[in-house]
Amino acid sequence: MSDSTATHASRVQLRLDDDWFAICDRTQLMPGRGLAALLPDGRQAALFLDREGRTYAIDNRDPFTGAAVLSRGLLGTERGRPFVASPLLKQRFDLETGRCLDDEEVSVAVHPVRIA
């Protein structure tokens, strides 16, 4: 590995308001597993990398229980749409829209994410 590669690892960034915030190195995301990140405003985000290499970020707080656990949920797909299932009560949240697939009146915030 060259020095430039070692010092310029890809960073996962999340957009809050109009600013991009560095979360972690891309190498810390593992396909099919979530990662919790503390945001500057005190909230937590749950970051995911799917098996096709797409990244997603949603609020980590489960709106049904109030616990910050969505990053520990199981990833899956429903009709081609990626979701995470809460590890507590198993409600599924669409990773692209934040909408709960089991209760259409509930959703979580979705955050734009990029690898830079």
N, C-alpha and C. Protein backbone atom coordinates (compact mmCIF):
# COMPACT_ATOMS: atom_id res chain seq x y z
N MET A 1 0.85 -1.17 0.00
CA MET A 1 0.00 0.00 0.00
C MET A 1 0.90 1.23 0.00
N SER A 2 0.61 2.17 -0.86
CA SER A 2 1.42 3.39 -0.93
C SER A 2 1.09 4.32 0.22
N ASP A 3 1.98 5.26 0.49
CA ASP A 3 1.73 6.23 1.56
C ASP A 3 0.47 7.04 1.30
N SER A 4 0.22 7.39 0.02
CA SER A 4 -0.97 8.19 -0.27
C SER A 4 -2.24 7.41 -0.01
N THR A 5 -2.23 6.11 -0.28
CA THR A 5 -3.40 5.28 0.00
C THR A 5 -3.61 5.15 1.50
N ALA A 6 -2.54 4.96 2.24
CA ALA A 6 -2.64 4.78 3.69
C ALA A 6 -3.15 6.04 4.38
N THR A 7 -2.77 7.21 3.88
CA THR A 7 -3.15 8.45 4.55
C THR A 7 -4.45 9.03 4.01
N HIS A 8 -4.97 8.50 2.91
CA HIS A 8 -6.20 9.04 2.32
C HIS A 8 -7.27 7.95 2.19
N ALA A 9 -7.51 7.25 3.27
CA ALA A 9 -8.55 6.22 3.26
C ALA A 9 -9.90 6.86 2.99
N SER A 10 -10.77 6.12 2.34
CA SER A 10 -12.12 6.61 2.08
C SER A 10 -12.85 6.81 3.40
N ARG A 11 -13.51 7.95 3.52
CA ARG A 11 -14.26 8.27 4.74
C ARG A 11 -15.74 8.25 4.44
N VAL A 12 -16.51 7.70 5.37
CA VAL A 12 -17.96 7.75 5.29
C VAL A 12 -18.38 9.08 5.88
N GLN A 13 -19.17 9.83 5.12
CA GLN A 13 -19.62 11.14 5.57
C GLN A 13 -21.14 11.18 5.56
N LEU A 14 -21.70 11.90 6.51
CA LEU A 14 -23.14 12.05 6.65
C LEU A 14 -23.46 13.54 6.62
N ARG A 15 -24.52 13.91 5.91
CA ARG A 15 -24.88 15.33 5.82
C ARG A 15 -25.89 15.69 6.89
N LEU A 16 -25.56 16.71 7.67
CA LEU A 16 -26.45 17.29 8.67
C LEU A 16 -26.66 18.75 8.28
N ASP A 17 -27.91 19.12 8.10
CA ASP A 17 -28.24 20.45 7.60
C ASP A 17 -27.51 20.64 6.27
N ASP A 18 -26.57 21.58 6.19
CA ASP A 18 -25.85 21.81 4.93
C ASP A 18 -24.40 21.37 4.99
N ASP A 19 -23.99 20.74 6.07
CA ASP A 19 -22.59 20.35 6.23
C ASP A 19 -22.42 18.83 6.21
N TRP A 20 -21.29 18.38 5.67
CA TRP A 20 -20.95 16.97 5.70
C TRP A 20 -20.08 16.70 6.91
N PHE A 21 -20.38 15.62 7.63
CA PHE A 21 -19.70 15.27 8.87
C PHE A 21 -19.05 13.90 8.68
N ALA A 22 -17.74 13.80 8.91
CA ALA A 22 -17.03 12.53 8.78
C ALA A 22 -17.42 11.60 9.93
N ILE A 23 -17.80 10.37 9.59
CA ILE A 23 -18.24 9.40 10.59
C ILE A 23 -17.14 8.39 10.90
N CYS A 24 -16.59 7.74 9.87
CA CYS A 24 -15.61 6.68 10.07
C CYS A 24 -14.91 6.38 8.76
N ASP A 25 -13.88 5.54 8.82
CA ASP A 25 -13.26 5.02 7.60
C ASP A 25 -14.21 4.03 6.95
N ARG A 26 -14.20 3.98 5.65
CA ARG A 26 -15.05 3.05 4.89
C ARG A 26 -14.79 1.60 5.33
N THR A 27 -13.54 1.30 5.71
CA THR A 27 -13.18 -0.06 6.10
C THR A 27 -13.88 -0.52 7.39
N GLN A 28 -14.44 0.41 8.15
CA GLN A 28 -15.14 0.04 9.38
C GLN A 28 -16.56 -0.47 9.13
N LEU A 29 -17.10 -0.22 7.94
CA LEU A 29 -18.43 -0.73 7.59
C LEU A 29 -18.29 -2.12 6.99
N MET A 30 -19.09 -3.04 7.51
CA MET A 30 -19.09 -4.40 7.01
C MET A 30 -20.45 -4.70 6.40
N PRO A 31 -20.49 -5.31 5.22
CA PRO A 31 -21.78 -5.61 4.59
C PRO A 31 -22.68 -6.41 5.52
N GLY A 32 -23.92 -5.94 5.63
CA GLY A 32 -24.91 -6.64 6.43
C GLY A 32 -24.89 -6.33 7.90
N ARG A 33 -23.98 -5.47 8.35
CA ARG A 33 -23.89 -5.12 9.78
C ARG A 33 -23.96 -3.62 9.93
N GLY A 34 -24.63 -3.17 10.98
CA GLY A 34 -24.77 -1.75 11.23
C GLY A 34 -23.67 -1.19 12.11
N LEU A 35 -23.56 0.13 12.11
CA LEU A 35 -22.59 0.85 12.93
C LEU A 35 -23.30 2.07 13.50
N ALA A 36 -23.23 2.27 14.80
CA ALA A 36 -23.83 3.45 15.44
C ALA A 36 -22.80 4.56 15.49
N ALA A 37 -23.25 5.79 15.26
CA ALA A 37 -22.36 6.94 15.30
C ALA A 37 -23.03 8.08 16.05
N LEU A 38 -22.27 8.72 16.93
CA LEU A 38 -22.77 9.88 17.66
C LEU A 38 -22.60 11.11 16.77
N LEU A 39 -23.67 11.87 16.62
CA LEU A 39 -23.66 13.06 15.77
C LEU A 39 -23.38 14.31 16.61
N PRO A 40 -22.93 15.40 15.99
CA PRO A 40 -22.59 16.61 16.74
C PRO A 40 -23.75 17.17 17.57
N ASP A 41 -25.00 16.92 17.14
CA ASP A 41 -26.15 17.45 17.88
C ASP A 41 -26.60 16.52 19.01
N GLY A 42 -25.86 15.43 19.25
CA GLY A 42 -26.18 14.51 20.34
C GLY A 42 -27.04 13.32 19.94
N ARG A 43 -27.63 13.37 18.74
CA ARG A 43 -28.39 12.21 18.26
C ARG A 43 -27.43 11.12 17.79
N GLN A 44 -27.97 9.96 17.51
CA GLN A 44 -27.18 8.87 16.95
C GLN A 44 -27.72 8.51 15.57
N ALA A 45 -26.82 8.11 14.70
CA ALA A 45 -27.20 7.59 13.38
C ALA A 45 -26.80 6.13 13.32
N ALA A 46 -27.56 5.37 12.56
CA ALA A 46 -27.23 3.97 12.27
C ALA A 46 -26.80 3.92 10.82
N LEU A 47 -25.57 3.47 10.58
CA LEU A 47 -25.03 3.38 9.22
C LEU A 47 -25.00 1.92 8.79
N PHE A 48 -25.28 1.71 7.50
CA PHE A 48 -25.31 0.37 6.96
C PHE A 48 -24.64 0.34 5.59
N LEU A 49 -24.02 -0.78 5.29
CA LEU A 49 -23.46 -1.07 3.98
C LEU A 49 -24.10 -2.37 3.53
N ASP A 50 -24.78 -2.34 2.37
CA ASP A 50 -25.39 -3.59 1.92
C ASP A 50 -24.38 -4.39 1.10
N ARG A 51 -24.78 -5.57 0.71
CA ARG A 51 -23.87 -6.48 0.00
C ARG A 51 -23.51 -6.00 -1.40
N GLU A 52 -24.26 -5.04 -1.92
CA GLU A 52 -23.95 -4.44 -3.23
C GLU A 52 -23.06 -3.21 -3.10
N GLY A 53 -22.71 -2.84 -1.87
CA GLY A 53 -21.81 -1.71 -1.65
C GLY A 53 -22.51 -0.38 -1.45
N ARG A 54 -23.84 -0.35 -1.35
CA ARG A 54 -24.57 0.90 -1.11
C ARG A 54 -24.58 1.21 0.38
N THR A 55 -24.46 2.49 0.70
CA THR A 55 -24.47 2.92 2.10
C THR A 55 -25.78 3.64 2.42
N TYR A 56 -26.20 3.50 3.67
CA TYR A 56 -27.43 4.12 4.16
C TYR A 56 -27.18 4.66 5.56
N ALA A 57 -27.92 5.70 5.94
CA ALA A 57 -27.86 6.23 7.30
C ALA A 57 -29.27 6.66 7.71
N ILE A 58 -29.70 6.16 8.87
CA ILE A 58 -30.99 6.53 9.45
C ILE A 58 -30.75 6.84 10.92
N ASP A 59 -31.75 7.45 11.56
CA ASP A 59 -31.65 7.65 13.01
C ASP A 59 -31.54 6.28 13.68
N ASN A 60 -30.76 6.19 14.74
CA ASN A 60 -30.54 4.94 15.44
C ASN A 60 -31.64 4.64 16.45
N ARG A 61 -32.45 5.62 16.77
CA ARG A 61 -33.48 5.46 17.80
C ARG A 61 -34.71 4.75 17.24
N ASP A 62 -35.08 3.65 17.87
CA ASP A 62 -36.28 2.91 17.51
C ASP A 62 -37.48 3.71 18.03
N PRO A 63 -38.36 4.20 17.15
CA PRO A 63 -39.48 5.03 17.62
C PRO A 63 -40.51 4.26 18.44
N PHE A 64 -40.51 2.96 18.39
CA PHE A 64 -41.48 2.17 19.16
C PHE A 64 -41.05 1.98 20.61
N THR A 65 -39.74 1.93 20.86
CA THR A 65 -39.25 1.69 22.22
C THR A 65 -38.45 2.85 22.79
N GLY A 66 -37.94 3.73 21.91
CA GLY A 66 -37.09 4.83 22.36
C GLY A 66 -35.63 4.43 22.53
N ALA A 67 -35.32 3.16 22.35
CA ALA A 67 -33.94 2.68 22.52
C ALA A 67 -33.13 2.92 21.25
N ALA A 68 -31.85 3.26 21.44
CA ALA A 68 -30.93 3.49 20.32
C ALA A 68 -30.33 2.15 19.89
N VAL A 69 -31.09 1.40 19.08
CA VAL A 69 -30.70 0.03 18.75
C VAL A 69 -30.79 -0.34 17.27
N LEU A 70 -31.26 0.55 16.41
CA LEU A 70 -31.47 0.15 15.02
C LEU A 70 -30.18 -0.27 14.33
N SER A 71 -29.04 0.24 14.78
CA SER A 71 -27.77 -0.17 14.17
C SER A 71 -27.47 -1.64 14.41
N ARG A 72 -28.14 -2.25 15.38
CA ARG A 72 -27.94 -3.68 15.68
C ARG A 72 -28.99 -4.57 15.04
N GLY A 73 -29.84 -3.96 14.19
CA GLY A 73 -30.90 -4.73 13.55
C GLY A 73 -30.41 -5.57 12.38
N LEU A 74 -31.30 -6.42 11.89
CA LEU A 74 -30.99 -7.29 10.76
C LEU A 74 -31.39 -6.63 9.46
N LEU A 75 -30.51 -6.70 8.45
CA LEU A 75 -30.81 -6.15 7.14
C LEU A 75 -31.54 -7.18 6.30
N GLY A 76 -32.42 -6.67 5.43
CA GLY A 76 -33.15 -7.53 4.52
C GLY A 76 -33.70 -6.70 3.38
N THR A 77 -34.50 -7.33 2.53
CA THR A 77 -35.18 -6.62 1.45
C THR A 77 -36.63 -7.05 1.40
N GLU A 78 -37.47 -6.12 1.02
CA GLU A 78 -38.91 -6.37 0.84
C GLU A 78 -39.25 -5.79 -0.52
N ARG A 79 -39.58 -6.66 -1.48
CA ARG A 79 -39.89 -6.22 -2.85
C ARG A 79 -38.77 -5.36 -3.43
N GLY A 80 -37.54 -5.77 -3.17
CA GLY A 80 -36.38 -5.07 -3.70
C GLY A 80 -35.96 -3.84 -2.92
N ARG A 81 -36.66 -3.51 -1.84
CA ARG A 81 -36.35 -2.33 -1.02
C ARG A 81 -35.54 -2.77 0.20
N PRO A 82 -34.40 -2.12 0.47
CA PRO A 82 -33.61 -2.49 1.64
C PRO A 82 -34.25 -2.00 2.93
N PHE A 83 -34.19 -2.84 3.97
CA PHE A 83 -34.72 -2.42 5.27
C PHE A 83 -33.84 -2.96 6.38
N VAL A 84 -34.03 -2.37 7.57
CA VAL A 84 -33.45 -2.91 8.79
C VAL A 84 -34.60 -3.24 9.72
N ALA A 85 -34.52 -4.40 10.36
CA ALA A 85 -35.53 -4.81 11.34
C ALA A 85 -35.00 -4.52 12.73
N SER A 86 -35.77 -3.81 13.53
CA SER A 86 -35.36 -3.50 14.89
C SER A 86 -35.08 -4.79 15.66
N PRO A 87 -33.99 -4.83 16.44
CA PRO A 87 -33.70 -6.04 17.20
C PRO A 87 -34.65 -6.25 18.38
N LEU A 88 -35.47 -5.25 18.72
CA LEU A 88 -36.36 -5.39 19.87
C LEU A 88 -37.73 -5.93 19.49
N LEU A 89 -38.50 -5.14 18.75
CA LEU A 89 -39.86 -5.56 18.42
C LEU A 89 -40.02 -5.99 16.96
N LYS A 90 -38.92 -5.95 16.22
CA LYS A 90 -38.84 -6.46 14.84
C LYS A 90 -39.53 -5.62 13.78
N GLN A 91 -39.97 -4.39 14.10
CA GLN A 91 -40.51 -3.54 13.04
C GLN A 91 -39.41 -3.26 12.02
N ARG A 92 -39.80 -3.20 10.74
CA ARG A 92 -38.85 -3.00 9.65
C ARG A 92 -38.92 -1.57 9.14
N PHE A 93 -37.74 -0.96 8.93
CA PHE A 93 -37.64 0.42 8.45
C PHE A 93 -36.92 0.45 7.12
N ASP A 94 -37.56 1.06 6.12
CA ASP A 94 -36.98 1.21 4.79
C ASP A 94 -35.74 2.09 4.91
N LEU A 95 -34.60 1.62 4.44
CA LEU A 95 -33.35 2.37 4.57
C LEU A 95 -33.27 3.56 3.62
N GLU A 96 -34.09 3.59 2.59
CA GLU A 96 -34.07 4.72 1.66
C GLU A 96 -35.02 5.83 2.05
N THR A 97 -36.15 5.48 2.68
CA THR A 97 -37.17 6.49 3.02
C THR A 97 -37.36 6.68 4.52
N GLY A 98 -36.95 5.71 5.33
CA GLY A 98 -37.17 5.75 6.77
C GLY A 98 -38.55 5.27 7.19
N ARG A 99 -39.42 4.99 6.24
CA ARG A 99 -40.80 4.58 6.54
C ARG A 99 -40.82 3.20 7.17
N CYS A 100 -41.65 3.04 8.18
CA CYS A 100 -41.83 1.73 8.81
C CYS A 100 -42.71 0.89 7.89
N LEU A 101 -42.24 -0.29 7.54
CA LEU A 101 -42.99 -1.17 6.65
C LEU A 101 -44.14 -1.87 7.36
N ASP A 102 -44.15 -1.80 8.69
CA ASP A 102 -45.17 -2.48 9.48
C ASP A 102 -46.21 -1.53 10.07
N ASP A 103 -45.97 -0.24 9.98
CA ASP A 103 -46.90 0.77 10.49
C ASP A 103 -46.64 2.05 9.70
N GLU A 104 -47.45 2.31 8.69
CA GLU A 104 -47.18 3.41 7.77
C GLU A 104 -47.25 4.80 8.40
N GLU A 105 -47.70 4.90 9.63
CA GLU A 105 -47.75 6.19 10.30
C GLU A 105 -46.45 6.51 11.05
N VAL A 106 -45.51 5.58 11.05
CA VAL A 106 -44.26 5.75 11.79
C VAL A 106 -43.09 5.76 10.81
N SER A 107 -42.10 6.61 11.10
CA SER A 107 -40.89 6.63 10.28
C SER A 107 -39.72 7.14 11.12
N VAL A 108 -38.53 6.95 10.60
CA VAL A 108 -37.32 7.50 11.19
C VAL A 108 -36.66 8.41 10.17
N ALA A 109 -35.85 9.34 10.65
CA ALA A 109 -35.16 10.25 9.73
C ALA A 109 -34.10 9.50 8.93
N VAL A 110 -33.94 9.90 7.69
CA VAL A 110 -32.92 9.36 6.80
C VAL A 110 -31.89 10.46 6.56
N HIS A 111 -30.62 10.10 6.58
CA HIS A 111 -29.55 11.07 6.38
C HIS A 111 -28.80 10.76 5.09
N PRO A 112 -28.55 11.77 4.26
CA PRO A 112 -27.70 11.54 3.08
C PRO A 112 -26.32 11.09 3.53
N VAL A 113 -25.76 10.12 2.83
CA VAL A 113 -24.45 9.58 3.19
C VAL A 113 -23.63 9.42 1.91
N ARG A 114 -22.33 9.61 2.04
CA ARG A 114 -21.44 9.43 0.89
C ARG A 114 -20.09 8.90 1.36
N ILE A 115 -19.35 8.36 0.43
CA ILE A 115 -17.97 7.92 0.68
C ILE A 115 -17.07 8.88 -0.07
N ALA A 116 -16.19 9.53 0.63
CA ALA A 116 -15.31 10.54 -0.01
C ALA A 116 -13.86 10.24 0.31
